[in-house]
Amino acid sequence: ENYSIGLHSFAYESDGYIYLIITNPTKEQQQFLIESHASAKNISVKRYSEEGKEIALASTKNFLSGNERRYTLQPGQFCVAVITV
């Protein structure tokens, strides 16, 4: 069986915010970047387990630069990013 489908993402805008939902349906760890012109203080990211329990994110010191943020999702995990428009 090959489960290297990759990440799935969904986004919508409402009331001055963009909501970005990223899921990892694969059986492997996946990394991704969130690129945004918003500053770090205008982006909130929460990561959740397959069961829906919130998981702490790594330190923000792992950010690549002001516009690029790298995240890792383990199999079954998902995250929700809220970006102020």
PDB file of N, CA and C in Angstrom:
ATOM      1  N   GLU A   1       0.831  -1.186   0.000  1.00  0.00           N
ATOM      2  CA  GLU A   1       0.000   0.000   0.000  1.00  0.00           C
ATOM      3  C   GLU A   1       0.873   1.245   0.000  1.00  0.00           C
ATOM      4  N   ASN A   2       0.493   2.213  -0.786  1.00  0.00           N
ATOM      5  CA  ASN A   2       1.215   3.478  -0.851  1.00  0.00           C
ATOM      6  C   ASN A   2       0.297   4.592  -0.357  1.00  0.00           C
ATOM      7  N   TYR A   3       0.633   5.194   0.777  1.00  0.00           N
ATOM      8  CA  TYR A   3      -0.175   6.259   1.356  1.00  0.00           C
ATOM      9  C   TYR A   3       0.488   7.627   1.231  1.00  0.00           C
ATOM     10  N   SER A   4       1.437   7.779   0.329  1.00  0.00           N
ATOM     11  CA  SER A   4       2.123   9.060   0.159  1.00  0.00           C
ATOM     12  C   SER A   4       1.268  10.015  -0.670  1.00  0.00           C
ATOM     13  N   ILE A   5       0.091  10.298  -0.188  1.00  0.00           N
ATOM     14  CA  ILE A   5      -0.842  11.176  -0.880  1.00  0.00           C
ATOM     15  C   ILE A   5      -0.409  12.629  -0.720  1.00  0.00           C
ATOM     16  N   GLY A   6       0.149  12.953   0.405  1.00  0.00           N
ATOM     17  CA  GLY A   6       0.552  14.317   0.707  1.00  0.00           C
ATOM     18  C   GLY A   6      -0.463  15.004   1.588  1.00  0.00           C
ATOM     19  N   LEU A   7      -0.193  16.244   1.860  1.00  0.00           N
ATOM     20  CA  LEU A   7      -1.061  17.036   2.730  1.00  0.00           C
ATOM     21  C   LEU A   7      -2.321  17.478   1.995  1.00  0.00           C
ATOM     22  N   HIS A   8      -3.388  17.647   2.748  1.00  0.00           N
ATOM     23  CA  HIS A   8      -4.620  18.232   2.223  1.00  0.00           C
ATOM     24  C   HIS A   8      -4.803  19.577   2.910  1.00  0.00           C
ATOM     25  N   SER A   9      -5.279  20.566   2.166  1.00  0.00           N
ATOM     26  CA  SER A   9      -5.491  21.880   2.778  1.00  0.00           C
ATOM     27  C   SER A   9      -6.823  22.471   2.333  1.00  0.00           C
ATOM     28  N   PHE A  10      -7.399  23.235   3.226  1.00  0.00           N
ATOM     29  CA  PHE A  10      -8.670  23.902   2.998  1.00  0.00           C
ATOM     30  C   PHE A  10      -8.543  25.306   3.584  1.00  0.00           C
ATOM     31  N   ALA A  11      -9.162  26.286   2.936  1.00  0.00           N
ATOM     32  CA  ALA A  11      -9.087  27.653   3.453  1.00  0.00           C
ATOM     33  C   ALA A  11     -10.396  28.383   3.190  1.00  0.00           C
ATOM     34  N   TYR A  12     -10.719  29.281   4.097  1.00  0.00           N
ATOM     35  CA  TYR A  12     -11.855  30.165   3.878  1.00  0.00           C
ATOM     36  C   TYR A  12     -11.615  31.468   4.630  1.00  0.00           C
ATOM     37  N   GLU A  13     -12.316  32.520   4.195  1.00  0.00           N
ATOM     38  CA  GLU A  13     -12.188  33.832   4.824  1.00  0.00           C
ATOM     39  C   GLU A  13     -13.516  34.212   5.461  1.00  0.00           C
ATOM     40  N   SER A  14     -13.445  34.757   6.664  1.00  0.00           N
ATOM     41  CA  SER A  14     -14.652  35.179   7.367  1.00  0.00           C
ATOM     42  C   SER A  14     -14.302  36.237   8.405  1.00  0.00           C
ATOM     43  N   ASP A  15     -15.060  37.301   8.431  1.00  0.00           N
ATOM     44  CA  ASP A  15     -14.954  38.337   9.463  1.00  0.00           C
ATOM     45  C   ASP A  15     -13.533  38.847   9.685  1.00  0.00           C
ATOM     46  N   GLY A  16     -12.784  39.077   8.604  1.00  0.00           N
ATOM     47  CA  GLY A  16     -11.447  39.650   8.721  1.00  0.00           C
ATOM     48  C   GLY A  16     -10.338  38.655   9.017  1.00  0.00           C
ATOM     49  N   TYR A  17     -10.634  37.361   8.921  1.00  0.00           N
ATOM     50  CA  TYR A  17      -9.633  36.323   9.166  1.00  0.00           C
ATOM     51  C   TYR A  17      -9.642  35.307   8.028  1.00  0.00           C
ATOM     52  N   ILE A  18      -8.479  34.744   7.759  1.00  0.00           N
ATOM     53  CA  ILE A  18      -8.372  33.596   6.860  1.00  0.00           C
ATOM     54  C   ILE A  18      -8.108  32.387   7.740  1.00  0.00           C
ATOM     55  N   TYR A  19      -8.898  31.354   7.547  1.00  0.00           N
ATOM     56  CA  TYR A  19      -8.746  30.103   8.292  1.00  0.00           C
ATOM     57  C   TYR A  19      -8.160  29.071   7.341  1.00  0.00           C
ATOM     58  N   LEU A  20      -7.018  28.514   7.699  1.00  0.00           N
ATOM     59  CA  LEU A  20      -6.321  27.528   6.887  1.00  0.00           C
ATOM     60  C   LEU A  20      -6.241  26.231   7.685  1.00  0.00           C
ATOM     61  N   ILE A  21      -6.792  25.165   7.131  1.00  0.00           N
ATOM     62  CA  ILE A  21      -6.783  23.858   7.789  1.00  0.00           C
ATOM     63  C   ILE A  21      -5.930  22.924   6.945  1.00  0.00           C
ATOM     64  N   ILE A  22      -4.927  22.312   7.569  1.00  0.00           N
ATOM     65  CA  ILE A  22      -4.011  21.414   6.860  1.00  0.00           C
ATOM     66  C   ILE A  22      -4.023  20.074   7.572  1.00  0.00           C
ATOM     67  N   THR A  23      -4.239  19.005   6.812  1.00  0.00           N
ATOM     68  CA  THR A  23      -4.295  17.661   7.384  1.00  0.00           C
ATOM     69  C   THR A  23      -3.219  16.780   6.771  1.00  0.00           C
ATOM     70  N   ASN A  24      -2.750  15.808   7.550  1.00  0.00           N
ATOM     71  CA  ASN A  24      -1.779  14.833   7.063  1.00  0.00           C
ATOM     72  C   ASN A  24      -2.421  13.443   7.097  1.00  0.00           C
ATOM     73  N   PRO A  25      -3.022  13.011   5.977  1.00  0.00           N
ATOM     74  CA  PRO A  25      -3.655  11.698   5.931  1.00  0.00           C
ATOM     75  C   PRO A  25      -2.675  10.566   5.625  1.00  0.00           C
ATOM     76  N   THR A  26      -1.402  10.891   5.445  1.00  0.00           N
ATOM     77  CA  THR A  26      -0.416   9.875   5.073  1.00  0.00           C
ATOM     78  C   THR A  26       0.059   9.100   6.297  1.00  0.00           C
ATOM     79  N   LYS A  27       0.874   8.112   6.052  1.00  0.00           N
ATOM     80  CA  LYS A  27       1.481   7.336   7.141  1.00  0.00           C
ATOM     81  C   LYS A  27       2.900   7.811   7.437  1.00  0.00           C
ATOM     82  N   GLU A  28       3.257   8.984   6.896  1.00  0.00           N
ATOM     83  CA  GLU A  28       4.600   9.534   7.077  1.00  0.00           C
ATOM     84  C   GLU A  28       4.519  10.973   7.583  1.00  0.00           C
ATOM     85  N   GLN A  29       5.563  11.402   8.282  1.00  0.00           N
ATOM     86  CA  GLN A  29       5.688  12.798   8.712  1.00  0.00           C
ATOM     87  C   GLN A  29       5.738  13.688   7.479  1.00  0.00           C
ATOM     88  N   GLN A  30       5.074  14.835   7.538  1.00  0.00           N
ATOM     89  CA  GLN A  30       5.071  15.784   6.428  1.00  0.00           C
ATOM     90  C   GLN A  30       5.431  17.170   6.962  1.00  0.00           C
ATOM     91  N   GLN A  31       6.229  17.917   6.189  1.00  0.00           N
ATOM     92  CA  GLN A  31       6.563  19.295   6.541  1.00  0.00           C
ATOM     93  C   GLN A  31       5.990  20.222   5.487  1.00  0.00           C
ATOM     94  N   PHE A  32       5.694  21.448   5.906  1.00  0.00           N
ATOM     95  CA  PHE A  32       5.161  22.429   4.974  1.00  0.00           C
ATOM     96  C   PHE A  32       5.498  23.824   5.474  1.00  0.00           C
ATOM     97  N   LEU A  33       5.361  24.790   4.583  1.00  0.00           N
ATOM     98  CA  LEU A  33       5.582  26.197   4.910  1.00  0.00           C
ATOM     99  C   LEU A  33       4.269  26.946   4.810  1.00  0.00           C
ATOM    100  N   ILE A  34       4.094  27.922   5.673  1.00  0.00           N
ATOM    101  CA  ILE A  34       3.017  28.889   5.517  1.00  0.00           C
ATOM    102  C   ILE A  34       3.690  30.199   5.153  1.00  0.00           C
ATOM    103  N   GLU A  35       3.423  30.676   3.940  1.00  0.00           N
ATOM    104  CA  GLU A  35       3.972  31.949   3.499  1.00  0.00           C
ATOM    105  C   GLU A  35       2.884  33.001   3.618  1.00  0.00           C
ATOM    106  N   SER A  36       3.215  34.111   4.229  1.00  0.00           N
ATOM    107  CA  SER A  36       2.228  35.167   4.422  1.00  0.00           C
ATOM    108  C   SER A  36       2.940  36.496   4.589  1.00  0.00           C
ATOM    109  N   HIS A  37       2.274  37.539   4.157  1.00  0.00           N
ATOM    110  CA  HIS A  37       2.807  38.886   4.382  1.00  0.00           C
ATOM    111  C   HIS A  37       2.434  39.393   5.768  1.00  0.00           C
ATOM    112  N   ALA A  38       1.621  38.634   6.467  1.00  0.00           N
ATOM    113  CA  ALA A  38       1.244  39.003   7.835  1.00  0.00           C
ATOM    114  C   ALA A  38       2.433  38.788   8.761  1.00  0.00           C
ATOM    115  N   SER A  39       2.519  39.598   9.785  1.00  0.00           N
ATOM    116  CA  SER A  39       3.596  39.412  10.759  1.00  0.00           C
ATOM    117  C   SER A  39       3.266  38.223  11.655  1.00  0.00           C
ATOM    118  N   ALA A  40       4.257  37.727  12.362  1.00  0.00           N
ATOM    119  CA  ALA A  40       4.077  36.557  13.232  1.00  0.00           C
ATOM    120  C   ALA A  40       2.983  36.785  14.269  1.00  0.00           C
ATOM    121  N   LYS A  41       2.828  38.020  14.725  1.00  0.00           N
ATOM    122  CA  LYS A  41       1.803  38.292  15.737  1.00  0.00           C
ATOM    123  C   LYS A  41       0.391  38.221  15.161  1.00  0.00           C
ATOM    124  N   ASN A  42       0.257  38.232  13.822  1.00  0.00           N
ATOM    125  CA  ASN A  42      -1.056  38.167  13.181  1.00  0.00           C
ATOM    126  C   ASN A  42      -1.411  36.768  12.692  1.00  0.00           C
ATOM    127  N   ILE A  43      -0.606  35.776  13.064  1.00  0.00           N
ATOM    128  CA  ILE A  43      -0.872  34.394  12.671  1.00  0.00           C
ATOM    129  C   ILE A  43      -0.881  33.526  13.922  1.00  0.00           C
ATOM    130  N   SER A  44      -1.948  32.780  14.072  1.00  0.00           N
ATOM    131  CA  SER A  44      -2.064  31.835  15.178  1.00  0.00           C
ATOM    132  C   SER A  44      -2.183  30.435  14.579  1.00  0.00           C
ATOM    133  N   VAL A  45      -1.335  29.505  15.020  1.00  0.00           N
ATOM    134  CA  VAL A  45      -1.383  28.136  14.504  1.00  0.00           C
ATOM    135  C   VAL A  45      -1.522  27.178  15.674  1.00  0.00           C
ATOM    136  N   LYS A  46      -2.492  26.286  15.568  1.00  0.00           N
ATOM    137  CA  LYS A  46      -2.678  25.244  16.581  1.00  0.00           C
ATOM    138  C   LYS A  46      -2.644  23.891  15.881  1.00  0.00           C
ATOM    139  N   ARG A  47      -1.960  22.948  16.510  1.00  0.00           N
ATOM    140  CA  ARG A  47      -1.814  21.598  15.947  1.00  0.00           C
ATOM    141  C   ARG A  47      -2.622  20.630  16.806  1.00  0.00           C
ATOM    142  N   TYR A  48      -3.219  19.623  16.147  1.00  0.00           N
ATOM    143  CA  TYR A  48      -4.076  18.670  16.846  1.00  0.00           C
ATOM    144  C   TYR A  48      -3.713  17.238  16.471  1.00  0.00           C
ATOM    145  N   SER A  49      -3.937  16.333  17.422  1.00  0.00           N
ATOM    146  CA  SER A  49      -3.708  14.909  17.182  1.00  0.00           C
ATOM    147  C   SER A  49      -4.846  14.352  16.338  1.00  0.00           C
ATOM    148  N   GLU A  50      -4.684  13.119  15.921  1.00  0.00           N
ATOM    149  CA  GLU A  50      -5.713  12.437  15.147  1.00  0.00           C
ATOM    150  C   GLU A  50      -7.031  12.368  15.926  1.00  0.00           C
ATOM    151  N   GLU A  51      -6.920  12.351  17.258  1.00  0.00           N
ATOM    152  CA  GLU A  51      -8.104  12.294  18.119  1.00  0.00           C
ATOM    153  C   GLU A  51      -8.702  13.675  18.383  1.00  0.00           C
ATOM    154  N   GLY A  52      -8.077  14.737  17.884  1.00  0.00           N
ATOM    155  CA  GLY A  52      -8.590  16.088  18.058  1.00  0.00           C
ATOM    156  C   GLY A  52      -8.080  16.815  19.284  1.00  0.00           C
ATOM    157  N   LYS A  53      -7.081  16.253  19.968  1.00  0.00           N
ATOM    158  CA  LYS A  53      -6.513  16.918  21.145  1.00  0.00           C
ATOM    159  C   LYS A  53      -5.417  17.884  20.707  1.00  0.00           C
ATOM    160  N   GLU A  54      -5.408  19.078  21.321  1.00  0.00           N
ATOM    161  CA  GLU A  54      -4.405  20.077  20.958  1.00  0.00           C
ATOM    162  C   GLU A  54      -3.015  19.623  21.374  1.00  0.00           C
ATOM    163  N   ILE A  55      -2.042  19.843  20.481  1.00  0.00           N
ATOM    164  CA  ILE A  55      -0.639  19.487  20.712  1.00  0.00           C
ATOM    165  C   ILE A  55       0.170  20.778  20.653  1.00  0.00           C
ATOM    166  N   ALA A  56       1.094  20.955  21.573  1.00  0.00           N
ATOM    167  CA  ALA A  56       1.936  22.158  21.575  1.00  0.00           C
ATOM    168  C   ALA A  56       2.787  22.205  20.313  1.00  0.00           C
ATOM    169  N   LEU A  57       2.946  23.397  19.776  1.00  0.00           N
ATOM    170  CA  LEU A  57       3.828  23.604  18.629  1.00  0.00           C
ATOM    171  C   LEU A  57       5.251  23.786  19.121  1.00  0.00           C
ATOM    172  N   ALA A  58       6.191  23.552  18.230  1.00  0.00           N
ATOM    173  CA  ALA A  58       7.593  23.818  18.541  1.00  0.00           C
ATOM    174  C   ALA A  58       7.775  25.324  18.707  1.00  0.00           C
ATOM    175  N   SER A  59       8.876  25.705  19.268  1.00  0.00           N
ATOM    176  CA  SER A  59       9.193  27.113  19.490  1.00  0.00           C
ATOM    177  C   SER A  59       9.130  27.898  18.190  1.00  0.00           C
ATOM    178  N   THR A  60       8.736  29.162  18.285  1.00  0.00           N
ATOM    179  CA  THR A  60       8.706  30.022  17.106  1.00  0.00           C
ATOM    180  C   THR A  60      10.113  30.327  16.606  1.00  0.00           C
ATOM    181  N   LYS A  61      11.129  29.914  17.333  1.00  0.00           N
ATOM    182  CA  LYS A  61      12.503  30.125  16.871  1.00  0.00           C
ATOM    183  C   LYS A  61      12.787  29.301  15.627  1.00  0.00           C
ATOM    184  N   ASN A  62      11.933  28.327  15.309  1.00  0.00           N
ATOM    185  CA  ASN A  62      12.118  27.502  14.121  1.00  0.00           C
ATOM    186  C   ASN A  62      11.612  28.180  12.862  1.00  0.00           C
ATOM    187  N   PHE A  63      11.064  29.391  12.978  1.00  0.00           N
ATOM    188  CA  PHE A  63      10.597  30.097  11.804  1.00  0.00           C
ATOM    189  C   PHE A  63      11.794  30.416  10.917  1.00  0.00           C
ATOM    190  N   LEU A  64      11.588  30.315   9.595  1.00  0.00           N
ATOM    191  CA  LEU A  64      12.680  30.554   8.662  1.00  0.00           C
ATOM    192  C   LEU A  64      12.943  32.046   8.482  1.00  0.00           C
ATOM    193  N   SER A  65      11.876  32.794   8.305  1.00  0.00           N
ATOM    194  CA  SER A  65      12.004  34.244   8.161  1.00  0.00           C
ATOM    195  C   SER A  65      10.655  34.853   8.496  1.00  0.00           C
ATOM    196  N   GLY A  66      10.543  36.160   8.318  1.00  0.00           N
ATOM    197  CA  GLY A  66       9.292  36.824   8.640  1.00  0.00           C
ATOM    198  C   GLY A  66       8.109  36.358   7.814  1.00  0.00           C
ATOM    199  N   ASN A  67       8.351  35.914   6.571  1.00  0.00           N
ATOM    200  CA  ASN A  67       7.251  35.539   5.684  1.00  0.00           C
ATOM    201  C   ASN A  67       7.067  34.035   5.540  1.00  0.00           C
ATOM    202  N   GLU A  68       8.011  33.235   6.006  1.00  0.00           N
ATOM    203  CA  GLU A  68       7.923  31.785   5.839  1.00  0.00           C
ATOM    204  C   GLU A  68       7.998  31.105   7.195  1.00  0.00           C
ATOM    205  N   ARG A  69       7.061  30.218   7.452  1.00  0.00           N
ATOM    206  CA  ARG A  69       7.020  29.488   8.715  1.00  0.00           C
ATOM    207  C   ARG A  69       6.931  28.005   8.411  1.00  0.00           C
ATOM    208  N   ARG A  70       7.826  27.207   8.961  1.00  0.00           N
ATOM    209  CA  ARG A  70       7.878  25.766   8.693  1.00  0.00           C
ATOM    210  C   ARG A  70       7.191  25.008   9.828  1.00  0.00           C
ATOM    211  N   TYR A  71       6.358  24.043   9.438  1.00  0.00           N
ATOM    212  CA  TYR A  71       5.638  23.216  10.402  1.00  0.00           C
ATOM    213  C   TYR A  71       5.768  21.754  10.015  1.00  0.00           C
ATOM    214  N   THR A  72       5.617  20.882  11.003  1.00  0.00           N
ATOM    215  CA  THR A  72       5.683  19.438  10.786  1.00  0.00           C
ATOM    216  C   THR A  72       4.424  18.805  11.350  1.00  0.00           C
ATOM    217  N   LEU A  73       3.822  17.923  10.556  1.00  0.00           N
ATOM    218  CA  LEU A  73       2.674  17.155  11.016  1.00  0.00           C
ATOM    219  C   LEU A  73       3.019  15.673  10.961  1.00  0.00           C
ATOM    220  N   GLN A  74       2.760  14.983  12.040  1.00  0.00           N
ATOM    221  CA  GLN A  74       2.919  13.535  12.077  1.00  0.00           C
ATOM    222  C   GLN A  74       1.680  12.906  11.424  1.00  0.00           C
ATOM    223  N   PRO A  75       1.731  11.607  11.101  1.00  0.00           N
ATOM    224  CA  PRO A  75       0.574  10.945  10.487  1.00  0.00           C
ATOM    225  C   PRO A  75      -0.702  11.170  11.302  1.00  0.00           C
ATOM    226  N   GLY A  76      -1.770  11.554  10.612  1.00  0.00           N
ATOM    227  CA  GLY A  76      -3.062  11.754  11.255  1.00  0.00           C
ATOM    228  C   GLY A  76      -3.260  13.111  11.897  1.00  0.00           C
ATOM    229  N   GLN A  77      -2.211  13.886  12.068  1.00  0.00           N
ATOM    230  CA  GLN A  77      -2.344  15.191  12.713  1.00  0.00           C
ATOM    231  C   GLN A  77      -2.902  16.226  11.732  1.00  0.00           C
ATOM    232  N   PHE A  78      -3.440  17.303  12.296  1.00  0.00           N
ATOM    233  CA  PHE A  78      -3.886  18.426  11.484  1.00  0.00           C
ATOM    234  C   PHE A  78      -3.617  19.719  12.235  1.00  0.00           C
ATOM    235  N   CYS A  79      -3.613  20.825  11.508  1.00  0.00           N
ATOM    236  CA  CYS A  79      -3.427  22.115  12.162  1.00  0.00           C
ATOM    237  C   CYS A  79      -4.420  23.115  11.598  1.00  0.00           C
ATOM    238  N   VAL A  80      -4.680  24.126  12.400  1.00  0.00           N
ATOM    239  CA  VAL A  80      -5.560  25.223  12.011  1.00  0.00           C
ATOM    240  C   VAL A  80      -4.769  26.510  12.187  1.00  0.00           C
ATOM    241  N   ALA A  81      -4.608  27.248  11.097  1.00  0.00           N
ATOM    242  CA  ALA A  81      -3.936  28.549  11.147  1.00  0.00           C
ATOM    243  C   ALA A  81      -4.993  29.629  10.966  1.00  0.00           C
ATOM    244  N   VAL A  82      -4.924  30.651  11.800  1.00  0.00           N
ATOM    245  CA  VAL A  82      -5.827  31.793  11.694  1.00  0.00           C
ATOM    246  C   VAL A  82      -4.954  33.005  11.399  1.00  0.00           C
ATOM    247  N   ILE A  83      -5.212  33.645  10.265  1.00  0.00           N
ATOM    248  CA  ILE A  83      -4.397  34.771   9.811  1.00  0.00           C
ATOM    249  C   ILE A  83      -5.285  36.009   9.730  1.00  0.00           C
ATOM    250  N   THR A  84      -4.869  37.083  10.386  1.00  0.00           N
ATOM    251  CA  THR A  84      -5.604  38.342  10.315  1.00  0.00           C
ATOM    252  C   THR A  84      -5.411  38.950   8.935  1.00  0.00           C
ATOM    253  N   VAL A  85      -6.513  39.330   8.300  1.00  0.00           N
ATOM    254  CA  VAL A  85      -6.444  39.916   6.954  1.00  0.00           C
ATOM    255  C   VAL A  85      -6.123  41.388   7.067  1.00  0.00           C
TER     256      VAL A  85
END
